[in-house]
Amino acid sequence: MWDVPEEIKADKEKIISILRQTGIRVEEEQIVFVDSGNPHKPNYPRGKVAIYAFQYKGRFLKIGKVSEKNKSRFYSHHYHPSRNQSNLSKSILSDPEMSVHSLDADSVGDWIRLNTKRVDLIIDVSLGMFALNLIEAILHCMYKPKYEGLKNLRVDL
């Protein structure tokens, strides 16, 4: 769950191997895993794209991607249920299992910042959109985030 450097190293090696198998030229330094701290203080450098991953109690909740032009999705959308159609805060508020936390639209963002682990993969923009999409898909397949995709199409193993 990316709690120790060995876990991150192993997953990074898997991702790079798959990218290379598809013909994408990638160097190790073009993908950097960054723990955003607690509370989350994400940082989105220029010339990069990113994958963000939220974890809670050893389970991935949400894994998504952002381009250079969508920084608000990286910084704020998932902390505010009214920001867009699909975001982490909205999913948490509609999950009966999470009702034990007595969250509402005003408190869910702070709860996410304080109680989930957020790790961002900062990716060199030169790898391109297809690499970004593939990395997100790899992580979805590996970790099956709780709040990704349509429930009726999910196959949870």
N, C-alpha and C. Protein backbone atom coordinates (compact mmCIF):
# COMPACT_ATOMS: atom_id res chain seq x y z
N MET A 1 0.81 -1.20 0.00
CA MET A 1 0.00 0.00 0.00
C MET A 1 0.85 1.26 0.00
N TRP A 2 2.04 1.15 -0.46
CA TRP A 2 2.96 2.28 -0.60
C TRP A 2 3.35 2.89 0.74
N ASP A 3 3.42 2.03 1.77
CA ASP A 3 3.83 2.50 3.09
C ASP A 3 5.33 2.42 3.29
N VAL A 4 5.99 1.61 2.50
CA VAL A 4 7.44 1.49 2.60
C VAL A 4 8.06 1.64 1.20
N PRO A 5 9.28 2.12 1.15
CA PRO A 5 9.92 2.35 -0.16
C PRO A 5 9.96 1.12 -1.06
N GLU A 6 10.05 -0.06 -0.49
CA GLU A 6 10.10 -1.29 -1.29
C GLU A 6 8.81 -1.50 -2.08
N GLU A 7 7.67 -1.17 -1.47
CA GLU A 7 6.39 -1.30 -2.17
C GLU A 7 6.32 -0.34 -3.36
N ILE A 8 6.75 0.88 -3.13
CA ILE A 8 6.75 1.87 -4.21
C ILE A 8 7.70 1.43 -5.32
N LYS A 9 8.87 0.99 -4.96
CA LYS A 9 9.87 0.55 -5.95
C LYS A 9 9.32 -0.60 -6.79
N ALA A 10 8.69 -1.57 -6.15
CA ALA A 10 8.15 -2.73 -6.87
C ALA A 10 7.05 -2.30 -7.85
N ASP A 11 6.14 -1.44 -7.41
CA ASP A 11 5.07 -0.99 -8.30
C ASP A 11 5.61 -0.12 -9.43
N LYS A 12 6.57 0.70 -9.13
CA LYS A 12 7.18 1.53 -10.18
C LYS A 12 7.85 0.65 -11.24
N GLU A 13 8.54 -0.38 -10.80
CA GLU A 13 9.17 -1.31 -11.75
C GLU A 13 8.13 -2.01 -12.62
N LYS A 14 6.98 -2.40 -12.03
CA LYS A 14 5.90 -3.02 -12.82
C LYS A 14 5.38 -2.06 -13.87
N ILE A 15 5.11 -0.82 -13.44
CA ILE A 15 4.58 0.19 -14.35
C ILE A 15 5.54 0.43 -15.50
N ILE A 16 6.81 0.63 -15.20
CA ILE A 16 7.81 0.89 -16.23
C ILE A 16 7.94 -0.29 -17.18
N SER A 17 7.91 -1.49 -16.64
CA SER A 17 8.01 -2.69 -17.47
C SER A 17 6.84 -2.77 -18.46
N ILE A 18 5.63 -2.52 -17.97
CA ILE A 18 4.45 -2.58 -18.85
C ILE A 18 4.53 -1.48 -19.91
N LEU A 19 4.90 -0.27 -19.51
CA LEU A 19 5.04 0.81 -20.49
C LEU A 19 6.03 0.43 -21.58
N ARG A 20 7.16 -0.12 -21.19
CA ARG A 20 8.18 -0.52 -22.16
C ARG A 20 7.69 -1.64 -23.07
N GLN A 21 6.91 -2.57 -22.51
CA GLN A 21 6.38 -3.66 -23.32
C GLN A 21 5.43 -3.15 -24.40
N THR A 22 4.84 -1.99 -24.17
CA THR A 22 3.94 -1.43 -25.17
C THR A 22 4.66 -0.49 -26.13
N GLY A 23 5.97 -0.37 -25.96
CA GLY A 23 6.75 0.47 -26.87
C GLY A 23 6.96 1.90 -26.40
N ILE A 24 6.52 2.22 -25.20
CA ILE A 24 6.72 3.57 -24.67
C ILE A 24 8.12 3.64 -24.05
N ARG A 25 8.89 4.59 -24.51
CA ARG A 25 10.24 4.80 -23.96
C ARG A 25 10.12 5.62 -22.68
N VAL A 26 10.53 5.02 -21.60
CA VAL A 26 10.39 5.66 -20.29
C VAL A 26 11.66 5.43 -19.48
N GLU A 27 12.08 6.47 -18.81
CA GLU A 27 13.19 6.39 -17.86
C GLU A 27 12.63 6.46 -16.45
N GLU A 28 13.33 5.83 -15.52
CA GLU A 28 12.85 5.76 -14.14
C GLU A 28 12.54 7.13 -13.55
N GLU A 29 13.36 8.13 -13.85
CA GLU A 29 13.18 9.46 -13.26
C GLU A 29 11.97 10.22 -13.84
N GLN A 30 11.32 9.67 -14.87
CA GLN A 30 10.16 10.33 -15.45
C GLN A 30 8.87 10.06 -14.67
N ILE A 31 8.95 9.16 -13.70
CA ILE A 31 7.80 8.86 -12.83
C ILE A 31 8.28 8.93 -11.39
N VAL A 32 7.69 9.84 -10.62
CA VAL A 32 8.10 10.03 -9.23
C VAL A 32 6.88 9.88 -8.32
N PHE A 33 6.98 9.03 -7.32
CA PHE A 33 5.92 8.86 -6.33
C PHE A 33 6.15 9.89 -5.22
N VAL A 34 5.10 10.63 -4.86
CA VAL A 34 5.21 11.66 -3.84
C VAL A 34 4.10 11.48 -2.81
N ASP A 35 4.48 11.27 -1.55
CA ASP A 35 3.51 11.22 -0.46
C ASP A 35 3.13 12.66 -0.14
N SER A 36 1.84 12.97 -0.22
CA SER A 36 1.38 14.35 -0.05
C SER A 36 1.21 14.78 1.41
N GLY A 37 1.64 13.94 2.33
CA GLY A 37 1.62 14.32 3.74
C GLY A 37 0.24 14.25 4.36
N ASN A 38 0.20 14.63 5.64
CA ASN A 38 -1.04 14.60 6.38
C ASN A 38 -1.09 15.82 7.30
N PRO A 39 -1.98 16.75 7.13
CA PRO A 39 -2.97 16.77 6.06
C PRO A 39 -2.33 16.92 4.70
N HIS A 40 -3.06 16.54 3.67
CA HIS A 40 -2.52 16.57 2.30
C HIS A 40 -2.09 17.97 1.92
N LYS A 41 -0.90 18.04 1.33
CA LYS A 41 -0.40 19.28 0.75
C LYS A 41 0.19 18.93 -0.62
N PRO A 42 -0.68 18.62 -1.59
CA PRO A 42 -0.19 18.21 -2.90
C PRO A 42 0.54 19.34 -3.62
N ASN A 43 1.50 18.95 -4.44
CA ASN A 43 2.28 19.91 -5.22
C ASN A 43 2.35 19.41 -6.66
N TYR A 44 1.94 20.26 -7.58
CA TYR A 44 1.86 19.89 -8.99
C TYR A 44 2.86 20.74 -9.78
N PRO A 45 4.05 20.20 -10.06
CA PRO A 45 5.07 20.98 -10.76
C PRO A 45 4.72 21.22 -12.23
N ARG A 46 5.25 22.30 -12.79
CA ARG A 46 5.06 22.62 -14.22
C ARG A 46 5.68 21.52 -15.09
N GLY A 47 5.08 21.36 -16.26
CA GLY A 47 5.63 20.41 -17.22
C GLY A 47 5.38 18.96 -16.85
N LYS A 48 4.40 18.73 -16.02
CA LYS A 48 4.11 17.37 -15.55
C LYS A 48 2.62 17.08 -15.71
N VAL A 49 2.30 15.81 -15.71
CA VAL A 49 0.94 15.32 -15.54
C VAL A 49 0.98 14.46 -14.29
N ALA A 50 -0.16 13.98 -13.84
CA ALA A 50 -0.12 13.27 -12.57
C ALA A 50 -1.23 12.23 -12.46
N ILE A 51 -0.95 11.27 -11.61
CA ILE A 51 -1.93 10.30 -11.13
C ILE A 51 -2.02 10.53 -9.62
N TYR A 52 -3.22 10.59 -9.08
CA TYR A 52 -3.38 10.73 -7.64
C TYR A 52 -4.07 9.47 -7.13
N ALA A 53 -3.73 9.09 -5.91
CA ALA A 53 -4.31 7.89 -5.31
C ALA A 53 -4.61 8.16 -3.84
N PHE A 54 -5.86 7.92 -3.46
CA PHE A 54 -6.27 8.07 -2.07
C PHE A 54 -6.47 6.68 -1.47
N GLN A 55 -5.93 6.47 -0.26
CA GLN A 55 -6.06 5.20 0.44
C GLN A 55 -6.63 5.44 1.84
N TYR A 56 -7.39 4.46 2.30
CA TYR A 56 -7.93 4.53 3.66
C TYR A 56 -7.96 3.12 4.23
N LYS A 57 -7.33 2.95 5.37
CA LYS A 57 -7.29 1.66 6.06
C LYS A 57 -6.86 0.53 5.13
N GLY A 58 -5.79 0.77 4.37
CA GLY A 58 -5.22 -0.28 3.52
C GLY A 58 -5.97 -0.55 2.23
N ARG A 59 -6.93 0.29 1.88
CA ARG A 59 -7.69 0.10 0.64
C ARG A 59 -7.62 1.37 -0.20
N PHE A 60 -7.40 1.19 -1.48
CA PHE A 60 -7.45 2.33 -2.38
C PHE A 60 -8.90 2.73 -2.58
N LEU A 61 -9.18 4.01 -2.43
CA LEU A 61 -10.53 4.53 -2.61
C LEU A 61 -10.73 5.10 -4.00
N LYS A 62 -9.76 5.87 -4.46
CA LYS A 62 -9.89 6.57 -5.74
C LYS A 62 -8.50 6.73 -6.34
N ILE A 63 -8.40 6.45 -7.63
CA ILE A 63 -7.17 6.67 -8.39
C ILE A 63 -7.60 7.39 -9.66
N GLY A 64 -7.00 8.54 -9.91
CA GLY A 64 -7.38 9.30 -11.09
C GLY A 64 -6.19 10.00 -11.70
N LYS A 65 -6.44 10.68 -12.81
CA LYS A 65 -5.36 11.34 -13.54
C LYS A 65 -5.73 12.79 -13.80
N VAL A 66 -4.71 13.60 -13.99
CA VAL A 66 -4.90 15.00 -14.35
C VAL A 66 -3.86 15.40 -15.38
N SER A 67 -4.29 16.29 -16.26
CA SER A 67 -3.37 16.85 -17.25
C SER A 67 -2.85 18.19 -16.74
N GLU A 68 -1.96 18.76 -17.49
CA GLU A 68 -1.41 20.07 -17.11
C GLU A 68 -2.50 21.13 -16.99
N LYS A 69 -3.57 20.98 -17.75
CA LYS A 69 -4.61 22.01 -17.81
C LYS A 69 -5.74 21.79 -16.82
N ASN A 70 -5.65 20.80 -15.96
CA ASN A 70 -6.75 20.49 -15.05
C ASN A 70 -6.26 20.43 -13.61
N LYS A 71 -5.53 21.43 -13.20
CA LYS A 71 -4.95 21.43 -11.86
C LYS A 71 -6.00 21.47 -10.75
N SER A 72 -7.17 22.04 -11.02
CA SER A 72 -8.19 22.09 -9.97
C SER A 72 -8.63 20.68 -9.58
N ARG A 73 -8.64 19.75 -10.53
CA ARG A 73 -8.97 18.35 -10.20
C ARG A 73 -7.91 17.78 -9.25
N PHE A 74 -6.67 18.16 -9.46
CA PHE A 74 -5.56 17.69 -8.62
C PHE A 74 -5.65 18.29 -7.21
N TYR A 75 -5.93 19.58 -7.12
CA TYR A 75 -5.88 20.29 -5.84
C TYR A 75 -7.17 20.28 -5.03
N SER A 76 -8.33 20.37 -5.69
CA SER A 76 -9.52 20.63 -4.88
C SER A 76 -10.76 19.80 -5.16
N HIS A 77 -10.96 19.32 -6.37
CA HIS A 77 -12.24 18.67 -6.70
C HIS A 77 -12.63 17.54 -5.75
N HIS A 78 -11.70 16.74 -5.33
CA HIS A 78 -12.05 15.56 -4.54
C HIS A 78 -12.38 15.88 -3.08
N TYR A 79 -12.14 17.11 -2.68
CA TYR A 79 -12.41 17.52 -1.30
C TYR A 79 -13.75 18.24 -1.14
N HIS A 80 -14.45 18.49 -2.25
CA HIS A 80 -15.71 19.25 -2.23
C HIS A 80 -16.77 18.50 -3.05
N PRO A 81 -17.83 18.01 -2.43
CA PRO A 81 -18.81 17.20 -3.16
C PRO A 81 -19.54 17.95 -4.27
N SER A 82 -19.58 19.26 -4.23
CA SER A 82 -20.32 20.00 -5.25
C SER A 82 -19.48 20.38 -6.46
N ARG A 83 -18.20 20.02 -6.49
CA ARG A 83 -17.31 20.49 -7.55
C ARG A 83 -17.53 19.85 -8.91
N ASN A 84 -17.90 18.60 -8.95
CA ASN A 84 -18.17 17.93 -10.24
C ASN A 84 -18.98 16.67 -9.99
N GLN A 85 -19.28 15.94 -11.07
CA GLN A 85 -20.15 14.77 -10.97
C GLN A 85 -19.52 13.62 -10.20
N SER A 86 -18.25 13.40 -10.40
CA SER A 86 -17.60 12.24 -9.79
C SER A 86 -16.38 12.70 -8.99
N ASN A 87 -16.46 12.54 -7.69
CA ASN A 87 -15.30 12.87 -6.87
C ASN A 87 -15.33 12.06 -5.58
N LEU A 88 -14.20 12.03 -4.91
CA LEU A 88 -14.05 11.21 -3.71
C LEU A 88 -15.01 11.64 -2.61
N SER A 89 -15.15 12.93 -2.36
CA SER A 89 -16.02 13.38 -1.27
C SER A 89 -17.48 12.95 -1.50
N LYS A 90 -17.94 13.05 -2.72
CA LYS A 90 -19.32 12.65 -3.04
C LYS A 90 -19.49 11.13 -2.84
N SER A 91 -18.50 10.37 -3.24
CA SER A 91 -18.56 8.92 -3.07
C SER A 91 -18.59 8.54 -1.59
N ILE A 92 -17.76 9.20 -0.80
CA ILE A 92 -17.73 8.92 0.64
C ILE A 92 -19.07 9.25 1.28
N LEU A 93 -19.64 10.39 0.92
CA LEU A 93 -20.92 10.79 1.51
C LEU A 93 -22.06 9.85 1.14
N SER A 94 -21.97 9.19 0.00
CA SER A 94 -23.05 8.29 -0.41
C SER A 94 -22.80 6.83 -0.01
N ASP A 95 -21.69 6.57 0.66
CA ASP A 95 -21.33 5.22 1.07
C ASP A 95 -21.86 4.93 2.48
N PRO A 96 -22.81 4.00 2.62
CA PRO A 96 -23.35 3.69 3.96
C PRO A 96 -22.28 3.25 4.96
N GLU A 97 -21.23 2.60 4.48
CA GLU A 97 -20.15 2.17 5.39
C GLU A 97 -19.43 3.35 6.03
N MET A 98 -19.42 4.49 5.35
CA MET A 98 -18.70 5.66 5.86
C MET A 98 -19.58 6.54 6.76
N SER A 99 -20.85 6.19 6.91
CA SER A 99 -21.76 7.01 7.72
C SER A 99 -21.34 7.05 9.19
N VAL A 100 -20.54 6.10 9.63
CA VAL A 100 -20.07 6.09 11.02
C VAL A 100 -19.26 7.34 11.36
N HIS A 101 -18.76 8.03 10.35
CA HIS A 101 -17.94 9.23 10.57
C HIS A 101 -18.78 10.50 10.67
N SER A 102 -20.11 10.39 10.47
CA SER A 102 -21.03 11.53 10.57
C SER A 102 -20.54 12.73 9.75
N LEU A 103 -20.21 12.47 8.50
CA LEU A 103 -19.69 13.52 7.62
C LEU A 103 -20.82 14.21 6.86
N ASP A 104 -20.56 15.44 6.48
CA ASP A 104 -21.49 16.17 5.62
C ASP A 104 -20.66 16.95 4.60
N ALA A 105 -21.33 17.70 3.75
CA ALA A 105 -20.65 18.43 2.67
C ALA A 105 -19.60 19.39 3.21
N ASP A 106 -19.81 19.91 4.41
CA ASP A 106 -18.85 20.87 4.97
C ASP A 106 -17.66 20.20 5.65
N SER A 107 -17.82 18.98 6.12
CA SER A 107 -16.74 18.34 6.89
C SER A 107 -15.95 17.29 6.12
N VAL A 108 -16.50 16.77 5.02
CA VAL A 108 -15.88 15.65 4.33
C VAL A 108 -14.49 15.99 3.78
N GLY A 109 -14.30 17.19 3.28
CA GLY A 109 -12.99 17.56 2.72
C GLY A 109 -11.88 17.52 3.76
N ASP A 110 -12.16 18.09 4.92
CA ASP A 110 -11.15 18.06 5.99
C ASP A 110 -10.91 16.62 6.45
N TRP A 111 -11.98 15.82 6.51
CA TRP A 111 -11.82 14.42 6.91
C TRP A 111 -10.90 13.70 5.92
N ILE A 112 -11.09 13.92 4.63
CA ILE A 112 -10.24 13.29 3.61
C ILE A 112 -8.79 13.72 3.81
N ARG A 113 -8.54 15.01 3.96
CA ARG A 113 -7.17 15.52 4.13
C ARG A 113 -6.47 14.92 5.35
N LEU A 114 -7.23 14.67 6.42
CA LEU A 114 -6.65 14.20 7.67
C LEU A 114 -6.61 12.68 7.82
N ASN A 115 -7.50 11.96 7.13
CA ASN A 115 -7.65 10.53 7.39
C ASN A 115 -7.27 9.60 6.25
N THR A 116 -7.07 10.13 5.08
CA THR A 116 -6.65 9.26 3.98
C THR A 116 -5.19 9.52 3.66
N LYS A 117 -4.57 8.52 3.11
CA LYS A 117 -3.20 8.66 2.61
C LYS A 117 -3.33 9.02 1.14
N ARG A 118 -2.63 10.07 0.74
CA ARG A 118 -2.64 10.47 -0.67
C ARG A 118 -1.22 10.38 -1.20
N VAL A 119 -1.07 9.61 -2.27
CA VAL A 119 0.21 9.50 -2.96
C VAL A 119 -0.03 9.92 -4.41
N ASP A 120 0.82 10.81 -4.89
CA ASP A 120 0.73 11.29 -6.26
C ASP A 120 1.89 10.75 -7.07
N LEU A 121 1.61 10.35 -8.28
CA LEU A 121 2.67 9.98 -9.23
C LEU A 121 2.84 11.18 -10.15
N ILE A 122 3.95 11.84 -10.05
CA ILE A 122 4.25 12.99 -10.89
C ILE A 122 4.99 12.45 -12.11
N ILE A 123 4.43 12.72 -13.28
CA ILE A 123 4.88 12.08 -14.52
C ILE A 123 5.29 13.14 -15.53
N ASP A 124 6.43 12.94 -16.14
CA ASP A 124 6.91 13.87 -17.14
C ASP A 124 5.92 13.92 -18.30
N VAL A 125 5.52 15.12 -18.68
CA VAL A 125 4.51 15.31 -19.72
C VAL A 125 4.96 14.73 -21.06
N SER A 126 6.27 14.61 -21.25
CA SER A 126 6.78 14.09 -22.52
C SER A 126 6.41 12.63 -22.76
N LEU A 127 5.99 11.91 -21.72
CA LEU A 127 5.55 10.53 -21.91
C LEU A 127 4.23 10.47 -22.66
N GLY A 128 3.44 11.53 -22.58
CA GLY A 128 2.23 11.63 -23.38
C GLY A 128 0.99 11.09 -22.70
N MET A 129 -0.14 11.39 -23.35
CA MET A 129 -1.46 11.04 -22.84
C MET A 129 -1.68 9.53 -22.75
N PHE A 130 -1.18 8.79 -23.74
CA PHE A 130 -1.42 7.35 -23.72
C PHE A 130 -0.69 6.68 -22.56
N ALA A 131 0.50 7.15 -22.24
CA ALA A 131 1.22 6.62 -21.08
C ALA A 131 0.46 6.95 -19.80
N LEU A 132 -0.03 8.19 -19.69
CA LEU A 132 -0.80 8.58 -18.51
C LEU A 132 -2.03 7.69 -18.35
N ASN A 133 -2.76 7.48 -19.44
CA ASN A 133 -3.95 6.62 -19.39
C ASN A 133 -3.59 5.20 -19.00
N LEU A 134 -2.49 4.69 -19.54
CA LEU A 134 -2.09 3.32 -19.24
C LEU A 134 -1.66 3.17 -17.78
N ILE A 135 -0.93 4.14 -17.26
CA ILE A 135 -0.52 4.06 -15.85
C ILE A 135 -1.75 4.04 -14.95
N GLU A 136 -2.72 4.89 -15.24
CA GLU A 136 -3.95 4.90 -14.45
C GLU A 136 -4.63 3.53 -14.53
N ALA A 137 -4.73 2.97 -15.73
CA ALA A 137 -5.38 1.67 -15.91
C ALA A 137 -4.62 0.55 -15.18
N ILE A 138 -3.31 0.59 -15.23
CA ILE A 138 -2.50 -0.41 -14.51
C ILE A 138 -2.84 -0.37 -13.02
N LEU A 139 -2.86 0.83 -12.46
CA LEU A 139 -3.15 0.97 -11.03
C LEU A 139 -4.58 0.56 -10.71
N HIS A 140 -5.52 0.86 -11.59
CA HIS A 140 -6.90 0.40 -11.38
C HIS A 140 -6.95 -1.12 -11.33
N CYS A 141 -6.27 -1.76 -12.25
CA CYS A 141 -6.27 -3.23 -12.29
C CYS A 141 -5.57 -3.84 -11.07
N MET A 142 -4.49 -3.21 -10.65
CA MET A 142 -3.75 -3.74 -9.50
C MET A 142 -4.51 -3.56 -8.18
N TYR A 143 -5.17 -2.42 -8.01
CA TYR A 143 -5.71 -2.07 -6.69
C TYR A 143 -7.23 -1.97 -6.61
N LYS A 144 -7.94 -2.01 -7.73
CA LYS A 144 -9.40 -2.01 -7.74
C LYS A 144 -10.00 -1.01 -6.75
N PRO A 145 -9.76 0.28 -6.97
CA PRO A 145 -10.25 1.29 -6.03
C PRO A 145 -11.75 1.21 -5.80
N LYS A 146 -12.13 1.37 -4.56
CA LYS A 146 -13.52 1.22 -4.13
C LYS A 146 -14.49 2.12 -4.89
N TYR A 147 -14.08 3.33 -5.20
CA TYR A 147 -14.98 4.29 -5.80
C TYR A 147 -14.67 4.58 -7.27
N GLU A 148 -14.16 3.62 -7.99
CA GLU A 148 -13.89 3.82 -9.43
C GLU A 148 -14.89 3.05 -10.26
N GLY A 149 -15.34 3.68 -11.31
CA GLY A 149 -16.18 3.01 -12.30
C GLY A 149 -17.61 2.81 -11.87
N LEU A 150 -18.40 2.34 -12.80
CA LEU A 150 -19.80 2.06 -12.54
C LEU A 150 -19.94 0.77 -11.76
N LYS A 151 -20.73 0.80 -10.71
CA LYS A 151 -20.87 -0.38 -9.84
C LYS A 151 -21.33 -1.61 -10.61
N ASN A 152 -22.22 -1.42 -11.59
CA ASN A 152 -22.75 -2.59 -12.31
C ASN A 152 -21.73 -3.19 -13.28
N LEU A 153 -20.62 -2.51 -13.53
CA LEU A 153 -19.58 -3.05 -14.42
C LEU A 153 -18.35 -3.52 -13.66
N ARG A 154 -18.33 -3.33 -12.37
CA ARG A 154 -17.15 -3.70 -11.58
C ARG A 154 -17.07 -5.22 -11.40
N VAL A 155 -15.86 -5.71 -11.48
CA VAL A 155 -15.59 -7.11 -11.18
C VAL A 155 -14.55 -7.10 -10.09
N ASP A 156 -14.98 -7.18 -8.86
CA ASP A 156 -14.06 -7.15 -7.71
C ASP A 156 -13.62 -8.56 -7.40
N LEU A 157 -12.34 -8.76 -7.50
CA LEU A 157 -11.78 -10.09 -7.19
C LEU A 157 -11.39 -10.20 -5.75
